[in-house]
């Protein structure tokens, strides 16, 4: 069978293609807590998967984060959004600036700026977090060759192993994930480039397109309708 499965006693993980996931482990020198490792509100990231494996941490101090991970190495695409919350703790939807049209000339031609996210983070923040994991010995040296800077902008994300092991995705797939705090530890993620989009973790979205492409597709339709209706020119519009 090519379906995903988990051999508990042999500690062997197989992907949907039947290939075994590589396994790594690391010791945590100190506590492994959200307060220390996951400060801030978190990120929403869309990325293209480059590789995955299984990873286990062994803390020698207090811990309130999972220690068994499905590791996803992926290259972010588009804007990295900062998660935002209401005063009562409810998460806000991402904010975008709408299309702006600057009309000029008697033919009503215009320059258009597509919708853009208002609250974004630079990829350097994710890179620095990965560097922190590497310098702490939590990402093994055997994995760093496939990450930034050797593979530009490729980031390692850690998702809780048990609820995500059966999620069907592979290298080349696109995912959308939310992180716990300003870290690369995953709260939830979604496979977004497949019509069979029931294979996603709880808390994600089954939307098949990126935030910005959805908005810009809608605006593009409006533009086409507007372009189909020629407008009369005023004398003072001649340039």
C-alpha atoms as a PDB file:
ATOM      1  CA  UNK A   1       0.000   0.000   0.000  1.00  0.00           C
ATOM      2  CA  UNK A   2       1.147   3.554  -0.688  1.00  0.00           C
ATOM      3  CA  UNK A   3      -0.809   5.146   2.149  1.00  0.00           C
ATOM      4  CA  UNK A   4       1.077   6.722   5.040  1.00  0.00           C
ATOM      5  CA  UNK A   5       1.728   4.530   8.065  1.00  0.00           C
ATOM      6  CA  UNK A   6       3.737   4.467  11.274  1.00  0.00           C
ATOM      7  CA  UNK A   7       5.586   1.454  12.693  1.00  0.00           C
ATOM      8  CA  UNK A   8       5.773   2.170  16.409  1.00  0.00           C
ATOM      9  CA  UNK A   9       8.273  -0.485  17.404  1.00  0.00           C
ATOM     10  CA  UNK A  10      10.551  -0.003  14.421  1.00  0.00           C
ATOM     11  CA  UNK A  11      10.329   3.809  14.663  1.00  0.00           C
ATOM     12  CA  UNK A  12       9.961   3.944  10.908  1.00  0.00           C
ATOM     13  CA  UNK A  13       7.857   6.603   9.231  1.00  0.00           C
ATOM     14  CA  UNK A  14       6.736   6.245   5.633  1.00  0.00           C
ATOM     15  CA  UNK A  15       5.450   8.944   3.354  1.00  0.00           C
ATOM     16  CA  UNK A  16       2.588   8.575   0.883  1.00  0.00           C
ATOM     17  CA  UNK A  17       5.072   7.455  -1.783  1.00  0.00           C
ATOM     18  CA  UNK A  18       6.415   4.663   0.412  1.00  0.00           C
ATOM     19  CA  UNK A  19       9.781   6.327   1.064  1.00  0.00           C
ATOM     20  CA  UNK A  20      10.933   6.304   4.686  1.00  0.00           C
ATOM     21  CA  UNK A  21      11.315   9.653   6.380  1.00  0.00           C
ATOM     22  CA  UNK A  22      14.792  10.309   7.699  1.00  0.00           C
ATOM     23  CA  UNK A  23      14.989  10.646  11.484  1.00  0.00           C
ATOM     24  CA  UNK A  24      17.148  12.986  13.569  1.00  0.00           C
ATOM     25  CA  UNK A  25      17.280  13.948  17.239  1.00  0.00           C
ATOM     26  CA  UNK A  26      18.838  16.544  19.529  1.00  0.00           C
ATOM     27  CA  UNK A  27      19.248  17.311  23.227  1.00  0.00           C
ATOM     28  CA  UNK A  28      17.829  20.546  24.639  1.00  0.00           C
ATOM     29  CA  UNK A  29      20.206  22.134  27.132  1.00  0.00           C
ATOM     30  CA  UNK A  30      17.726  23.884  29.393  1.00  0.00           C
ATOM     31  CA  UNK A  31      14.006  24.487  29.211  1.00  0.00           C
ATOM     32  CA  UNK A  32      11.874  23.980  26.112  1.00  0.00           C
ATOM     33  CA  UNK A  33       8.986  26.362  26.717  1.00  0.00           C
ATOM     34  CA  UNK A  34       6.830  28.776  24.712  1.00  0.00           C
ATOM     35  CA  UNK A  35       7.884  31.645  26.962  1.00  0.00           C
ATOM     36  CA  UNK A  36      11.527  31.140  26.014  1.00  0.00           C
ATOM     37  CA  UNK A  37      11.287  29.887  22.444  1.00  0.00           C
ATOM     38  CA  UNK A  38       8.027  31.325  21.056  1.00  0.00           C
ATOM     39  CA  UNK A  39       7.608  34.997  22.039  1.00  0.00           C
ATOM     40  CA  UNK A  40       5.377  37.302  20.014  1.00  0.00           C
ATOM     41  CA  UNK A  41       2.159  36.817  18.032  1.00  0.00           C
ATOM     42  CA  UNK A  42       3.442  34.541  15.295  1.00  0.00           C
ATOM     43  CA  UNK A  43       3.512  34.431  11.504  1.00  0.00           C
ATOM     44  CA  UNK A  44       1.390  33.225   8.602  1.00  0.00           C
ATOM     45  CA  UNK A  45       3.653  31.830   5.893  1.00  0.00           C
ATOM     46  CA  UNK A  46       3.056  30.376   2.453  1.00  0.00           C
ATOM     47  CA  UNK A  47       5.936  28.246   1.237  1.00  0.00           C
ATOM     48  CA  UNK A  48       6.999  25.593  -1.238  1.00  0.00           C
ATOM     49  CA  UNK A  49       8.136  22.345   0.368  1.00  0.00           C
ATOM     50  CA  UNK A  50      11.673  21.165  -0.389  1.00  0.00           C
ATOM     51  CA  UNK A  51      12.052  18.258   2.070  1.00  0.00           C
ATOM     52  CA  UNK A  52      10.707  16.706   5.274  1.00  0.00           C
ATOM     53  CA  UNK A  53      11.856  14.372   8.026  1.00  0.00           C
ATOM     54  CA  UNK A  54      11.090  13.282  11.579  1.00  0.00           C
ATOM     55  CA  UNK A  55      12.870  14.970  14.524  1.00  0.00           C
ATOM     56  CA  UNK A  56      12.849  14.323  18.276  1.00  0.00           C
ATOM     57  CA  UNK A  57      14.052  16.621  21.066  1.00  0.00           C
ATOM     58  CA  UNK A  58      15.142  15.494  24.524  1.00  0.00           C
ATOM     59  CA  UNK A  59      14.770  18.392  27.004  1.00  0.00           C
ATOM     60  CA  UNK A  60      16.657  18.263  30.288  1.00  0.00           C
ATOM     61  CA  UNK A  61      14.485  21.032  31.766  1.00  0.00           C
ATOM     62  CA  UNK A  62      10.836  22.073  31.801  1.00  0.00           C
ATOM     63  CA  UNK A  63       8.832  21.750  28.594  1.00  0.00           C
ATOM     64  CA  UNK A  64       5.390  22.839  27.366  1.00  0.00           C
ATOM     65  CA  UNK A  65       6.021  22.371  23.636  1.00  0.00           C
ATOM     66  CA  UNK A  66       5.879  19.150  21.651  1.00  0.00           C
ATOM     67  CA  UNK A  67       9.188  17.281  21.434  1.00  0.00           C
ATOM     68  CA  UNK A  68       8.326  15.039  18.465  1.00  0.00           C
ATOM     69  CA  UNK A  69       8.155  16.832  15.136  1.00  0.00           C
ATOM     70  CA  UNK A  70       7.377  16.457  11.485  1.00  0.00           C
ATOM     71  CA  UNK A  71      10.040  18.775  10.087  1.00  0.00           C
ATOM     72  CA  UNK A  72       9.127  20.676   6.929  1.00  0.00           C
ATOM     73  CA  UNK A  73      11.890  22.408   5.018  1.00  0.00           C
ATOM     74  CA  UNK A  74      10.290  24.987   2.726  1.00  0.00           C
ATOM     75  CA  UNK A  75      10.974  28.203   0.844  1.00  0.00           C
ATOM     76  CA  UNK A  76       8.548  31.044   1.683  1.00  0.00           C
ATOM     77  CA  UNK A  77       6.807  32.733  -1.243  1.00  0.00           C
ATOM     78  CA  UNK A  78       5.103  36.110  -1.161  1.00  0.00           C
ATOM     79  CA  UNK A  79       4.532  38.124   1.977  1.00  0.00           C
ATOM     80  CA  UNK A  80       5.158  36.720   5.447  1.00  0.00           C
ATOM     81  CA  UNK A  81       2.248  38.010   7.516  1.00  0.00           C
ATOM     82  CA  UNK A  82       2.310  38.874  11.199  1.00  0.00           C
ATOM     83  CA  UNK A  83      -0.562  37.341  13.161  1.00  0.00           C
ATOM     84  CA  UNK A  84      -2.776  39.914  14.877  1.00  0.00           C
ATOM     85  CA  UNK A  85      -5.318  39.558  17.685  1.00  0.00           C
ATOM     86  CA  UNK A  86      -8.254  41.438  19.174  1.00  0.00           C
ATOM     87  CA  UNK A  87      -8.132  42.507  22.819  1.00  0.00           C
ATOM     88  CA  UNK A  88     -10.141  39.394  23.761  1.00  0.00           C
ATOM     89  CA  UNK A  89      -7.592  37.098  22.108  1.00  0.00           C
ATOM     90  CA  UNK A  90      -9.556  36.435  18.915  1.00  0.00           C
ATOM     91  CA  UNK A  91      -7.274  36.305  15.898  1.00  0.00           C
ATOM     92  CA  UNK A  92      -7.869  38.976  13.254  1.00  0.00           C
ATOM     93  CA  UNK A  93      -7.974  38.270   9.547  1.00  0.00           C
ATOM     94  CA  UNK A  94      -4.898  39.579   7.717  1.00  0.00           C
ATOM     95  CA  UNK A  95      -5.198  43.214   6.618  1.00  0.00           C
ATOM     96  CA  UNK A  96      -4.565  44.282   3.039  1.00  0.00           C
ATOM     97  CA  UNK A  97      -4.498  47.593   1.227  1.00  0.00           C
ATOM     98  CA  UNK A  98      -6.943  47.482  -1.697  1.00  0.00           C
ATOM     99  CA  UNK A  99      -6.235  48.316  -5.292  1.00  0.00           C
ATOM    100  CA  UNK A 100      -5.404  51.929  -6.015  1.00  0.00           C
ATOM    101  CA  UNK A 101      -6.061  53.377  -9.470  1.00  0.00           C
ATOM    102  CA  UNK A 102      -4.387  56.551 -10.664  1.00  0.00           C
ATOM    103  CA  UNK A 103      -6.230  57.766 -13.759  1.00  0.00           C
ATOM    104  CA  UNK A 104      -4.456  59.869 -16.344  1.00  0.00           C
ATOM    105  CA  UNK A 105      -5.043  61.011 -19.892  1.00  0.00           C
ATOM    106  CA  UNK A 106      -8.184  61.264 -22.002  1.00  0.00           C
ATOM    107  CA  UNK A 107      -8.370  57.464 -22.463  1.00  0.00           C
ATOM    108  CA  UNK A 108      -8.699  56.942 -18.730  1.00  0.00           C
ATOM    109  CA  UNK A 109      -5.600  54.823 -18.619  1.00  0.00           C
ATOM    110  CA  UNK A 110      -4.356  54.179 -15.124  1.00  0.00           C
ATOM    111  CA  UNK A 111      -1.528  52.753 -13.126  1.00  0.00           C
ATOM    112  CA  UNK A 112      -2.753  50.080 -10.713  1.00  0.00           C
ATOM    113  CA  UNK A 113      -1.197  48.921  -7.464  1.00  0.00           C
ATOM    114  CA  UNK A 114      -2.361  45.422  -6.483  1.00  0.00           C
ATOM    115  CA  UNK A 115      -3.488  44.577  -2.970  1.00  0.00           C
ATOM    116  CA  UNK A 116      -0.651  44.354  -0.492  1.00  0.00           C
ATOM    117  CA  UNK A 117      -0.425  43.029   3.039  1.00  0.00           C
ATOM    118  CA  UNK A 118      -0.191  45.776   5.640  1.00  0.00           C
ATOM    119  CA  UNK A 119       1.611  43.974   8.469  1.00  0.00           C
ATOM    120  CA  UNK A 120       4.471  41.845   7.186  1.00  0.00           C
ATOM    121  CA  UNK A 121       7.719  40.424   8.502  1.00  0.00           C
ATOM    122  CA  UNK A 122      11.030  40.124   6.639  1.00  0.00           C
ATOM    123  CA  UNK A 123      12.272  36.623   5.919  1.00  0.00           C
ATOM    124  CA  UNK A 124      15.388  37.518   7.909  1.00  0.00           C
ATOM    125  CA  UNK A 125      13.349  36.956  11.108  1.00  0.00           C
ATOM    126  CA  UNK A 126      12.729  33.317  10.150  1.00  0.00           C
ATOM    127  CA  UNK A 127      16.352  32.904   9.107  1.00  0.00           C
ATOM    128  CA  UNK A 128      17.556  34.276  12.450  1.00  0.00           C
ATOM    129  CA  UNK A 129      15.278  31.900  14.346  1.00  0.00           C
ATOM    130  CA  UNK A 130      16.697  28.942  12.415  1.00  0.00           C
ATOM    131  CA  UNK A 131      20.183  30.214  13.246  1.00  0.00           C
ATOM    132  CA  UNK A 132      19.216  30.193  16.931  1.00  0.00           C
ATOM    133  CA  UNK A 133      18.107  26.553  16.660  1.00  0.00           C
ATOM    134  CA  UNK A 134      21.308  25.644  14.838  1.00  0.00           C
ATOM    135  CA  UNK A 135      23.598  27.431  17.301  1.00  0.00           C
ATOM    136  CA  UNK A 136      21.767  25.702  20.168  1.00  0.00           C
ATOM    137  CA  UNK A 137      22.395  22.320  18.556  1.00  0.00           C
ATOM    138  CA  UNK A 138      18.676  21.695  17.983  1.00  0.00           C
ATOM    139  CA  UNK A 139      18.929  21.491  14.197  1.00  0.00           C
ATOM    140  CA  UNK A 140      21.582  18.850  13.464  1.00  0.00           C
ATOM    141  CA  UNK A 141      24.503  19.675  11.188  1.00  0.00           C
ATOM    142  CA  UNK A 142      23.318  16.968   8.789  1.00  0.00           C
ATOM    143  CA  UNK A 143      20.265  19.126   7.986  1.00  0.00           C
ATOM    144  CA  UNK A 144      21.881  22.539   7.593  1.00  0.00           C
ATOM    145  CA  UNK A 145      23.164  21.925   4.071  1.00  0.00           C
ATOM    146  CA  UNK A 146      19.615  22.121   2.723  1.00  0.00           C
ATOM    147  CA  UNK A 147      18.794  25.360   4.585  1.00  0.00           C
ATOM    148  CA  UNK A 148      19.681  29.041   4.180  1.00  0.00           C
ATOM    149  CA  UNK A 149      22.322  30.223   3.328  1.00  0.00           C
ATOM    150  CA  UNK A 150      23.423  27.148   1.347  1.00  0.00           C
ATOM    151  CA  UNK A 151      19.914  26.960  -0.100  1.00  0.00           C
ATOM    152  CA  UNK A 152      18.808  30.623  -0.143  1.00  0.00           C
ATOM    153  CA  UNK A 153      15.701  31.397   1.917  1.00  0.00           C
ATOM    154  CA  UNK A 154      14.884  27.749   2.686  1.00  0.00           C
ATOM    155  CA  UNK A 155      13.575  27.583   6.259  1.00  0.00           C
ATOM    156  CA  UNK A 156      13.016  24.644   8.615  1.00  0.00           C
ATOM    157  CA  UNK A 157       9.575  24.510  10.259  1.00  0.00           C
ATOM    158  CA  UNK A 158       8.624  22.061  13.037  1.00  0.00           C
ATOM    159  CA  UNK A 159       5.053  20.708  13.225  1.00  0.00           C
ATOM    160  CA  UNK A 160       3.771  18.446  16.014  1.00  0.00           C
ATOM    161  CA  UNK A 161       4.347  14.912  14.699  1.00  0.00           C
ATOM    162  CA  UNK A 162       1.286  12.980  15.850  1.00  0.00           C
ATOM    163  CA  UNK A 163      -1.553  15.129  14.408  1.00  0.00           C
ATOM    164  CA  UNK A 164       0.334  15.867  11.188  1.00  0.00           C
ATOM    165  CA  UNK A 165       1.992  12.598  10.252  1.00  0.00           C
ATOM    166  CA  UNK A 166      -0.834  11.457   7.985  1.00  0.00           C
ATOM    167  CA  UNK A 167      -1.043  14.790   6.106  1.00  0.00           C
ATOM    168  CA  UNK A 168      -0.295  13.982   2.478  1.00  0.00           C
ATOM    169  CA  UNK A 169       2.231  16.327   0.882  1.00  0.00           C
ATOM    170  CA  UNK A 170       5.605  16.125  -0.802  1.00  0.00           C
ATOM    171  CA  UNK A 171       8.477  18.219  -2.098  1.00  0.00           C
ATOM    172  CA  UNK A 172       7.180  20.799  -4.550  1.00  0.00           C
ATOM    173  CA  UNK A 173       3.809  21.185  -2.834  1.00  0.00           C
ATOM    174  CA  UNK A 174       2.663  24.544  -1.504  1.00  0.00           C
ATOM    175  CA  UNK A 175       1.590  24.933   2.108  1.00  0.00           C
ATOM    176  CA  UNK A 176       0.247  27.688   4.330  1.00  0.00           C
ATOM    177  CA  UNK A 177       1.231  27.550   7.980  1.00  0.00           C
ATOM    178  CA  UNK A 178       0.745  29.460  11.198  1.00  0.00           C
ATOM    179  CA  UNK A 179       3.536  29.532  13.762  1.00  0.00           C
ATOM    180  CA  UNK A 180       3.468  29.524  17.550  1.00  0.00           C
ATOM    181  CA  UNK A 181       4.829  32.965  18.399  1.00  0.00           C
ATOM    182  CA  UNK A 182       7.628  34.473  16.342  1.00  0.00           C
ATOM    183  CA  UNK A 183       9.266  31.125  15.763  1.00  0.00           C
ATOM    184  CA  UNK A 184       9.396  28.394  13.143  1.00  0.00           C
ATOM    185  CA  UNK A 185       7.420  26.007  15.350  1.00  0.00           C
ATOM    186  CA  UNK A 186       4.111  25.287  13.650  1.00  0.00           C
ATOM    187  CA  UNK A 187       0.680  25.670  15.221  1.00  0.00           C
ATOM    188  CA  UNK A 188      -1.166  24.425  12.125  1.00  0.00           C
ATOM    189  CA  UNK A 189      -0.607  24.037   8.413  1.00  0.00           C
ATOM    190  CA  UNK A 190      -2.586  23.432   5.234  1.00  0.00           C
ATOM    191  CA  UNK A 191      -1.735  21.935   1.852  1.00  0.00           C
ATOM    192  CA  UNK A 192      -3.039  24.616  -0.520  1.00  0.00           C
ATOM    193  CA  UNK A 193      -2.192  23.460  -4.034  1.00  0.00           C
ATOM    194  CA  UNK A 194      -4.442  20.390  -4.298  1.00  0.00           C
ATOM    195  CA  UNK A 195      -8.114  20.006  -5.033  1.00  0.00           C
ATOM    196  CA  UNK A 196      -8.163  17.084  -2.591  1.00  0.00           C
ATOM    197  CA  UNK A 197      -7.691  19.666   0.140  1.00  0.00           C
ATOM    198  CA  UNK A 198      -9.114  17.521   2.924  1.00  0.00           C
ATOM    199  CA  UNK A 199      -5.542  16.597   3.806  1.00  0.00           C
ATOM    200  CA  UNK A 200      -4.807  19.518   6.077  1.00  0.00           C
ATOM    201  CA  UNK A 201      -4.206  20.062   9.751  1.00  0.00           C
ATOM    202  CA  UNK A 202      -6.837  21.593  12.015  1.00  0.00           C
ATOM    203  CA  UNK A 203      -6.779  25.354  12.223  1.00  0.00           C
ATOM    204  CA  UNK A 204      -5.757  25.953   8.620  1.00  0.00           C
ATOM    205  CA  UNK A 205      -7.761  27.037   5.596  1.00  0.00           C
ATOM    206  CA  UNK A 206      -8.695  25.035   2.521  1.00  0.00           C
ATOM    207  CA  UNK A 207      -8.408  28.095   0.277  1.00  0.00           C
ATOM    208  CA  UNK A 208      -6.467  27.019  -2.780  1.00  0.00           C
ATOM    209  CA  UNK A 209      -4.894  30.369  -3.635  1.00  0.00           C
ATOM    210  CA  UNK A 210      -2.704  32.769  -1.736  1.00  0.00           C
ATOM    211  CA  UNK A 211      -4.180  35.659   0.224  1.00  0.00           C
ATOM    212  CA  UNK A 212      -3.004  38.244  -2.269  1.00  0.00           C
ATOM    213  CA  UNK A 213      -3.820  36.271  -5.419  1.00  0.00           C
ATOM    214  CA  UNK A 214      -7.419  35.823  -4.257  1.00  0.00           C
ATOM    215  CA  UNK A 215      -7.798  39.550  -3.702  1.00  0.00           C
ATOM    216  CA  UNK A 216      -6.117  40.483  -6.954  1.00  0.00           C
ATOM    217  CA  UNK A 217      -8.190  37.974  -8.970  1.00  0.00           C
ATOM    218  CA  UNK A 218     -11.356  39.607  -7.677  1.00  0.00           C
ATOM    219  CA  UNK A 219     -10.046  43.046  -8.517  1.00  0.00           C
ATOM    220  CA  UNK A 220      -8.944  41.894 -11.969  1.00  0.00           C
ATOM    221  CA  UNK A 221     -12.519  40.877 -12.791  1.00  0.00           C
ATOM    222  CA  UNK A 222     -13.723  44.318 -11.739  1.00  0.00           C
ATOM    223  CA  UNK A 223     -11.053  45.904 -13.922  1.00  0.00           C
ATOM    224  CA  UNK A 224     -12.224  43.909 -16.962  1.00  0.00           C
ATOM    225  CA  UNK A 225     -15.806  45.029 -16.439  1.00  0.00           C
ATOM    226  CA  UNK A 226     -14.721  48.646 -16.108  1.00  0.00           C
ATOM    227  CA  UNK A 227     -12.516  48.453 -19.201  1.00  0.00           C
ATOM    228  CA  UNK A 228     -15.505  47.184 -21.229  1.00  0.00           C
ATOM    229  CA  UNK A 229     -17.317  50.491 -20.631  1.00  0.00           C
ATOM    230  CA  UNK A 230     -15.483  53.378 -22.378  1.00  0.00           C
ATOM    231  CA  UNK A 231     -15.710  56.651 -20.502  1.00  0.00           C
ATOM    232  CA  UNK A 232     -16.259  60.051 -22.041  1.00  0.00           C
ATOM    233  CA  UNK A 233     -13.287  62.374 -21.954  1.00  0.00           C
ATOM    234  CA  UNK A 234     -13.417  65.822 -20.401  1.00  0.00           C
ATOM    235  CA  UNK A 235     -11.559  68.638 -22.126  1.00  0.00           C
ATOM    236  CA  UNK A 236      -9.289  69.183 -19.150  1.00  0.00           C
ATOM    237  CA  UNK A 237      -8.121  65.583 -19.282  1.00  0.00           C
ATOM    238  CA  UNK A 238      -6.059  66.087 -22.421  1.00  0.00           C
ATOM    239  CA  UNK A 239      -2.396  65.853 -21.618  1.00  0.00           C
END
